[in-house]
PDB file of N, CA and C in Angstrom:
ATOM      1  N   MET A   1       0.988  -1.221  -0.237  1.00  0.00           N
ATOM      2  CA  MET A   1       0.100  -0.168   0.059  1.00  0.00           C
ATOM      3  C   MET A   1       0.917   0.970  -0.178  1.00  0.00           C
ATOM      4  N   SER A   2       0.730   2.036  -0.889  1.00  0.00           N
ATOM      5  CA  SER A   2       1.371   3.486  -0.838  1.00  0.00           C
ATOM      6  C   SER A   2       0.988   4.213   0.223  1.00  0.00           C
ATOM      7  N   GLN A   3       2.153   5.317   0.581  1.00  0.00           N
ATOM      8  CA  GLN A   3       1.761   6.498   1.555  1.00  0.00           C
ATOM      9  C   GLN A   3       0.955   7.269   1.158  1.00  0.00           C
ATOM     10  N   LYS A   4      -0.269   7.546   2.014  1.00  0.00           N
ATOM     11  CA  LYS A   4      -1.125   8.746   1.772  1.00  0.00           C
ATOM     12  C   LYS A   4      -0.411   9.992   1.732  1.00  0.00           C
ATOM     13  N   LEU A   5      -0.721  11.034   0.876  1.00  0.00           N
ATOM     14  CA  LEU A   5      -0.388  11.803   0.666  1.00  0.00           C
ATOM     15  C   LEU A   5      -1.167  13.021   0.553  1.00  0.00           C
ATOM     16  N   LYS A   6      -0.790  14.238   1.103  1.00  0.00           N
ATOM     17  CA  LYS A   6      -1.804  15.651   1.180  1.00  0.00           C
ATOM     18  C   LYS A   6      -1.299  16.446   0.863  1.00  0.00           C
ATOM     19  N   VAL A   7      -2.409  17.366   0.029  1.00  0.00           N
ATOM     20  CA  VAL A   7      -2.253  18.424  -0.518  1.00  0.00           C
ATOM     21  C   VAL A   7      -1.893  19.970   0.690  1.00  0.00           C
ATOM     22  N   VAL A   8      -1.233  20.798   0.470  1.00  0.00           N
ATOM     23  CA  VAL A   8      -0.979  21.699   1.317  1.00  0.00           C
ATOM     24  C   VAL A   8      -1.015  23.170   0.352  1.00  0.00           C
ATOM     25  N   ILE A   9      -2.048  24.080   0.624  1.00  0.00           N
ATOM     26  CA  ILE A   9      -2.090  25.162  -0.298  1.00  0.00           C
ATOM     27  C   ILE A   9      -1.727  26.391   0.596  1.00  0.00           C
ATOM     28  N   ASP A  10      -1.187  27.250  -0.165  1.00  0.00           N
ATOM     29  CA  ASP A  10      -0.821  28.544   0.572  1.00  0.00           C
ATOM     30  C   ASP A  10      -1.776  29.471  -0.647  1.00  0.00           C
ATOM     31  N   LYS A  11      -3.087  29.694  -0.152  1.00  0.00           N
ATOM     32  CA  LYS A  11      -3.968  30.368  -0.833  1.00  0.00           C
ATOM     33  C   LYS A  11      -3.335  31.961  -1.194  1.00  0.00           C
ATOM     34  N   ALA A  12      -2.713  32.704  -0.317  1.00  0.00           N
ATOM     35  CA  ALA A  12      -2.184  33.940  -0.598  1.00  0.00           C
ATOM     36  C   ALA A  12      -1.156  33.946  -1.306  1.00  0.00           C
ATOM     37  N   ALA A  13      -0.504  33.161  -1.897  1.00  0.00           N
ATOM     38  CA  ALA A  13       0.821  32.863  -2.933  1.00  0.00           C
ATOM     39  C   ALA A  13      -0.137  32.578  -4.360  1.00  0.00           C
ATOM     40  N   CYS A  14      -1.121  31.943  -3.955  1.00  0.00           N
ATOM     41  CA  CYS A  14      -1.759  31.709  -5.848  1.00  0.00           C
ATOM     42  C   CYS A  14      -2.185  32.597  -6.346  1.00  0.00           C
ATOM     43  N   CYS A  15      -1.748  32.954  -7.525  1.00  0.00           N
ATOM     44  CA  CYS A  15      -2.014  34.149  -8.525  1.00  0.00           C
ATOM     45  C   CYS A  15      -2.971  33.412  -9.589  1.00  0.00           C
ATOM     46  N   GLY A  16      -3.597  32.457  -9.557  1.00  0.00           N
ATOM     47  CA  GLY A  16      -4.139  31.846 -10.689  1.00  0.00           C
ATOM     48  C   GLY A  16      -3.969  31.386 -12.101  1.00  0.00           C
ATOM     49  N   TYR A  17      -2.654  31.046 -12.049  1.00  0.00           N
ATOM     50  CA  TYR A  17      -2.256  30.638 -13.400  1.00  0.00           C
ATOM     51  C   TYR A  17      -2.974  29.468 -13.509  1.00  0.00           C
ATOM     52  N   GLY A  18      -3.383  28.458 -12.892  1.00  0.00           N
ATOM     53  CA  GLY A  18      -3.986  27.299 -13.261  1.00  0.00           C
ATOM     54  C   GLY A  18      -3.294  26.040 -13.930  1.00  0.00           C
ATOM     55  N   VAL A  19      -1.966  26.175 -13.670  1.00  0.00           N
ATOM     56  CA  VAL A  19      -1.132  25.397 -14.244  1.00  0.00           C
ATOM     57  C   VAL A  19      -1.278  23.836 -13.449  1.00  0.00           C
ATOM     58  N   CYS A  20      -1.549  23.813 -12.112  1.00  0.00           N
ATOM     59  CA  CYS A  20      -1.868  22.508 -11.553  1.00  0.00           C
ATOM     60  C   CYS A  20      -2.770  21.973 -11.839  1.00  0.00           C
ATOM     61  N   ALA A  21      -4.252  22.817 -12.124  1.00  0.00           N
ATOM     62  CA  ALA A  21      -5.153  22.074 -12.916  1.00  0.00           C
ATOM     63  C   ALA A  21      -5.331  21.715 -14.139  1.00  0.00           C
ATOM     64  N   GLU A  22      -4.355  21.897 -14.888  1.00  0.00           N
ATOM     65  CA  GLU A  22      -4.209  21.798 -16.163  1.00  0.00           C
ATOM     66  C   GLU A  22      -3.461  20.496 -16.300  1.00  0.00           C
ATOM     67  N   ILE A  23      -2.352  19.978 -15.144  1.00  0.00           N
ATOM     68  CA  ILE A  23      -1.553  18.766 -15.112  1.00  0.00           C
ATOM     69  C   ILE A  23      -2.634  17.802 -14.556  1.00  0.00           C
ATOM     70  N   CYS A  24      -3.224  18.423 -13.090  1.00  0.00           N
ATOM     71  CA  CYS A  24      -4.003  17.029 -12.389  1.00  0.00           C
ATOM     72  C   CYS A  24      -5.354  17.869 -11.870  1.00  0.00           C
ATOM     73  N   PRO A  25      -6.238  17.654 -12.775  1.00  0.00           N
ATOM     74  CA  PRO A  25      -7.558  18.266 -12.787  1.00  0.00           C
ATOM     75  C   PRO A  25      -8.448  17.476 -11.807  1.00  0.00           C
ATOM     76  N   GLN A  26      -7.691  16.348 -11.500  1.00  0.00           N
ATOM     77  CA  GLN A  26      -8.875  15.518 -10.377  1.00  0.00           C
ATOM     78  C   GLN A  26      -8.435  15.940  -9.188  1.00  0.00           C
ATOM     79  N   VAL A  27      -7.275  16.518  -8.727  1.00  0.00           N
ATOM     80  CA  VAL A  27      -6.867  17.063  -7.521  1.00  0.00           C
ATOM     81  C   VAL A  27      -6.714  18.499  -7.141  1.00  0.00           C
ATOM     82  N   TYR A  28      -6.423  19.231  -8.656  1.00  0.00           N
ATOM     83  CA  TYR A  28      -6.743  20.675  -8.221  1.00  0.00           C
ATOM     84  C   TYR A  28      -7.534  21.305  -8.896  1.00  0.00           C
ATOM     85  N   LYS A  29      -8.660  21.956  -8.428  1.00  0.00           N
ATOM     86  CA  LYS A  29      -9.511  22.899  -8.399  1.00  0.00           C
ATOM     87  C   LYS A  29      -9.535  24.148  -8.797  1.00  0.00           C
ATOM     88  N   LEU A  30      -9.868  25.235  -9.694  1.00  0.00           N
ATOM     89  CA  LEU A  30      -9.935  26.635  -9.574  1.00  0.00           C
ATOM     90  C   LEU A  30     -11.257  26.990  -9.095  1.00  0.00           C
ATOM     91  N   ASP A  31     -11.555  28.143  -8.227  1.00  0.00           N
ATOM     92  CA  ASP A  31     -12.711  28.656  -7.723  1.00  0.00           C
ATOM     93  C   ASP A  31     -12.805  29.986  -9.006  1.00  0.00           C
ATOM     94  N   ALA A  32     -14.198  30.820  -8.358  1.00  0.00           N
ATOM     95  CA  ALA A  32     -14.281  31.648  -9.318  1.00  0.00           C
ATOM     96  C   ALA A  32     -13.304  32.802  -9.604  1.00  0.00           C
ATOM     97  N   ASN A  33     -12.253  32.710  -8.855  1.00  0.00           N
ATOM     98  CA  ASN A  33     -11.470  34.029  -9.104  1.00  0.00           C
ATOM     99  C   ASN A  33     -10.214  33.164  -9.606  1.00  0.00           C
ATOM    100  N   GLY A  34     -10.152  31.994  -9.758  1.00  0.00           N
ATOM    101  CA  GLY A  34      -8.881  31.210 -10.583  1.00  0.00           C
ATOM    102  C   GLY A  34      -7.997  31.056  -9.430  1.00  0.00           C
ATOM    103  N   ILE A  35      -8.322  30.859  -7.801  1.00  0.00           N
ATOM    104  CA  ILE A  35      -7.396  30.477  -7.091  1.00  0.00           C
ATOM    105  C   ILE A  35      -7.600  28.866  -6.838  1.00  0.00           C
ATOM    106  N   VAL A  36      -6.671  28.438  -6.369  1.00  0.00           N
ATOM    107  CA  VAL A  36      -6.783  26.735  -6.427  1.00  0.00           C
ATOM    108  C   VAL A  36      -7.501  26.382  -5.205  1.00  0.00           C
ATOM    109  N   TYR A  37      -7.971  25.033  -4.951  1.00  0.00           N
ATOM    110  CA  TYR A  37      -8.826  24.318  -4.070  1.00  0.00           C
ATOM    111  C   TYR A  37      -8.667  23.438  -4.018  1.00  0.00           C
ATOM    112  N   VAL A  38      -8.972  22.324  -3.303  1.00  0.00           N
ATOM    113  CA  VAL A  38      -9.007  21.012  -3.499  1.00  0.00           C
ATOM    114  C   VAL A  38     -10.252  20.542  -2.805  1.00  0.00           C
ATOM    115  N   ASP A  39     -11.032  19.608  -3.131  1.00  0.00           N
ATOM    116  CA  ASP A  39     -12.418  18.697  -2.699  1.00  0.00           C
ATOM    117  C   ASP A  39     -11.712  18.277  -1.362  1.00  0.00           C
ATOM    118  N   ASP A  40     -10.776  17.628  -1.344  1.00  0.00           N
ATOM    119  CA  ASP A  40     -10.127  16.693  -0.189  1.00  0.00           C
ATOM    120  C   ASP A  40      -8.737  17.006  -0.451  1.00  0.00           C
ATOM    121  N   GLU A  41      -8.051  17.197   0.830  1.00  0.00           N
ATOM    122  CA  GLU A  41      -6.595  17.643   1.041  1.00  0.00           C
ATOM    123  C   GLU A  41      -6.032  15.910   0.815  1.00  0.00           C
ATOM    124  N   ILE A  42      -6.747  14.913   0.943  1.00  0.00           N
ATOM    125  CA  ILE A  42      -5.906  13.557   0.893  1.00  0.00           C
ATOM    126  C   ILE A  42      -5.491  13.163  -0.904  1.00  0.00           C
ATOM    127  N   VAL A  43      -4.431  12.737  -1.471  1.00  0.00           N
ATOM    128  CA  VAL A  43      -4.622  12.501  -3.081  1.00  0.00           C
ATOM    129  C   VAL A  43      -5.035  11.444  -2.910  1.00  0.00           C
ATOM    130  N   PRO A  44      -5.881  11.330  -3.973  1.00  0.00           N
ATOM    131  CA  PRO A  44      -6.533   9.998  -4.664  1.00  0.00           C
ATOM    132  C   PRO A  44      -5.212   8.951  -4.899  1.00  0.00           C
ATOM    133  N   GLU A  45      -5.422   7.661  -4.415  1.00  0.00           N
ATOM    134  CA  GLU A  45      -4.443   6.370  -4.627  1.00  0.00           C
ATOM    135  C   GLU A  45      -4.204   6.594  -6.350  1.00  0.00           C
ATOM    136  N   GLY A  46      -3.393   6.628  -6.760  1.00  0.00           N
ATOM    137  CA  GLY A  46      -2.877   6.598  -8.334  1.00  0.00           C
ATOM    138  C   GLY A  46      -2.686   7.961  -8.910  1.00  0.00           C
ATOM    139  N   LEU A  47      -2.965   8.805  -7.951  1.00  0.00           N
ATOM    140  CA  LEU A  47      -2.483  10.157  -8.625  1.00  0.00           C
ATOM    141  C   LEU A  47      -1.715  10.748  -7.841  1.00  0.00           C
ATOM    142  N   GLU A  48      -0.777  10.371  -7.304  1.00  0.00           N
ATOM    143  CA  GLU A  48       0.290  10.735  -6.605  1.00  0.00           C
ATOM    144  C   GLU A  48       1.475  11.454  -7.393  1.00  0.00           C
ATOM    145  N   GLU A  49       1.980  10.641  -8.258  1.00  0.00           N
ATOM    146  CA  GLU A  49       2.653  11.475  -9.202  1.00  0.00           C
ATOM    147  C   GLU A  49       2.141  12.658 -10.144  1.00  0.00           C
ATOM    148  N   GLN A  50       1.111  12.826 -10.380  1.00  0.00           N
ATOM    149  CA  GLN A  50       0.261  13.719 -11.233  1.00  0.00           C
ATOM    150  C   GLN A  50       0.305  14.855 -10.101  1.00  0.00           C
ATOM    151  N   ALA A  51      -0.210  14.927  -8.818  1.00  0.00           N
ATOM    152  CA  ALA A  51      -0.376  15.849  -7.696  1.00  0.00           C
ATOM    153  C   ALA A  51       0.813  16.169  -7.620  1.00  0.00           C
ATOM    154  N   ARG A  52       1.930  15.788  -7.506  1.00  0.00           N
ATOM    155  CA  ARG A  52       3.338  16.010  -7.105  1.00  0.00           C
ATOM    156  C   ARG A  52       3.885  17.424  -8.312  1.00  0.00           C
ATOM    157  N   GLU A  53       3.543  16.230  -9.427  1.00  0.00           N
ATOM    158  CA  GLU A  53       3.799  17.133 -10.879  1.00  0.00           C
ATOM    159  C   GLU A  53       3.219  19.072 -10.833  1.00  0.00           C
ATOM    160  N   GLY A  54       1.640  18.655 -10.775  1.00  0.00           N
ATOM    161  CA  GLY A  54       0.785  20.081 -10.335  1.00  0.00           C
ATOM    162  C   GLY A  54       1.577  20.959  -9.419  1.00  0.00           C
ATOM    163  N   ALA A  55       1.676  20.295  -8.212  1.00  0.00           N
ATOM    164  CA  ALA A  55       2.625  21.253  -7.238  1.00  0.00           C
ATOM    165  C   ALA A  55       3.728  21.879  -7.528  1.00  0.00           C
ATOM    166  N   GLN A  56       4.810  21.141  -8.157  1.00  0.00           N
ATOM    167  CA  GLN A  56       5.899  21.633  -8.548  1.00  0.00           C
ATOM    168  C   GLN A  56       6.086  22.616  -9.910  1.00  0.00           C
ATOM    169  N   ALA A  57       4.851  22.509 -10.373  1.00  0.00           N
ATOM    170  CA  ALA A  57       4.831  23.717 -11.469  1.00  0.00           C
ATOM    171  C   ALA A  57       4.170  24.785 -11.425  1.00  0.00           C
ATOM    172  N   CYS A  58       3.802  24.796 -10.116  1.00  0.00           N
ATOM    173  CA  CYS A  58       3.258  26.142  -9.434  1.00  0.00           C
ATOM    174  C   CYS A  58       4.110  27.450  -9.664  1.00  0.00           C
ATOM    175  N   PRO A  59       3.955  28.234 -10.521  1.00  0.00           N
ATOM    176  CA  PRO A  59       5.052  29.548 -10.432  1.00  0.00           C
ATOM    177  C   PRO A  59       5.082  29.921  -9.457  1.00  0.00           C
ATOM    178  N   GLN A  60       4.410  30.229  -8.352  1.00  0.00           N
ATOM    179  CA  GLN A  60       4.301  30.836  -7.232  1.00  0.00           C
ATOM    180  C   GLN A  60       4.532  30.010  -6.123  1.00  0.00           C
ATOM    181  N   SER A  61       4.692  28.418  -6.404  1.00  0.00           N
ATOM    182  CA  SER A  61       5.229  27.792  -5.283  1.00  0.00           C
ATOM    183  C   SER A  61       3.936  27.633  -3.712  1.00  0.00           C
ATOM    184  N   ALA A  62       2.945  27.858  -4.371  1.00  0.00           N
ATOM    185  CA  ALA A  62       1.999  27.929  -3.475  1.00  0.00           C
ATOM    186  C   ALA A  62       1.151  26.646  -3.012  1.00  0.00           C
ATOM    187  N   LEU A  63       1.818  25.470  -3.838  1.00  0.00           N
ATOM    188  CA  LEU A  63       1.083  24.021  -3.119  1.00  0.00           C
ATOM    189  C   LEU A  63       2.271  23.357  -3.015  1.00  0.00           C
ATOM    190  N   ALA A  64       1.995  22.370  -1.898  1.00  0.00           N
ATOM    191  CA  ALA A  64       3.162  21.122  -1.615  1.00  0.00           C
ATOM    192  C   ALA A  64       2.348  19.773  -1.402  1.00  0.00           C
ATOM    193  N   VAL A  65       2.758  18.881  -1.620  1.00  0.00           N
ATOM    194  CA  VAL A  65       2.289  17.569  -1.718  1.00  0.00           C
ATOM    195  C   VAL A  65       3.507  16.570  -0.373  1.00  0.00           C
ATOM    196  N   LYS A  66       2.495  16.453   0.598  1.00  0.00           N
ATOM    197  CA  LYS A  66       3.367  15.691   1.945  1.00  0.00           C
ATOM    198  C   LYS A  66       2.974  14.699   2.186  1.00  0.00           C
ATOM    199  N   ALA A  67       3.463  14.164   3.354  1.00  0.00           N
ATOM    200  CA  ALA A  67       3.199  13.170   3.852  1.00  0.00           C
ATOM    201  C   ALA A  67       1.890  13.182   4.594  1.00  0.00           C
ATOM    202  N   ALA A  68       0.721  12.444   4.703  1.00  0.00           N
ATOM    203  CA  ALA A  68      -0.708  12.656   5.246  1.00  0.00           C
ATOM    204  C   ALA A  68      -0.103  12.481   6.939  1.00  0.00           C
TER     205      ALA A  68
END
């Protein structure tokens, strides 16, 4: 069983580029203002790598994926 991961969002740092949501739309969503949010901070099984890529692609470093 793989280790559970969670998404940590720094909403103040998010500038709404949306790169995270383009890379991993199953995890990263954008609100009406283009600011990132997640339905559940726990990354669904099988999406760990995509979630990491989405977080690493953020130009503002507003996202982190960490052990839950």
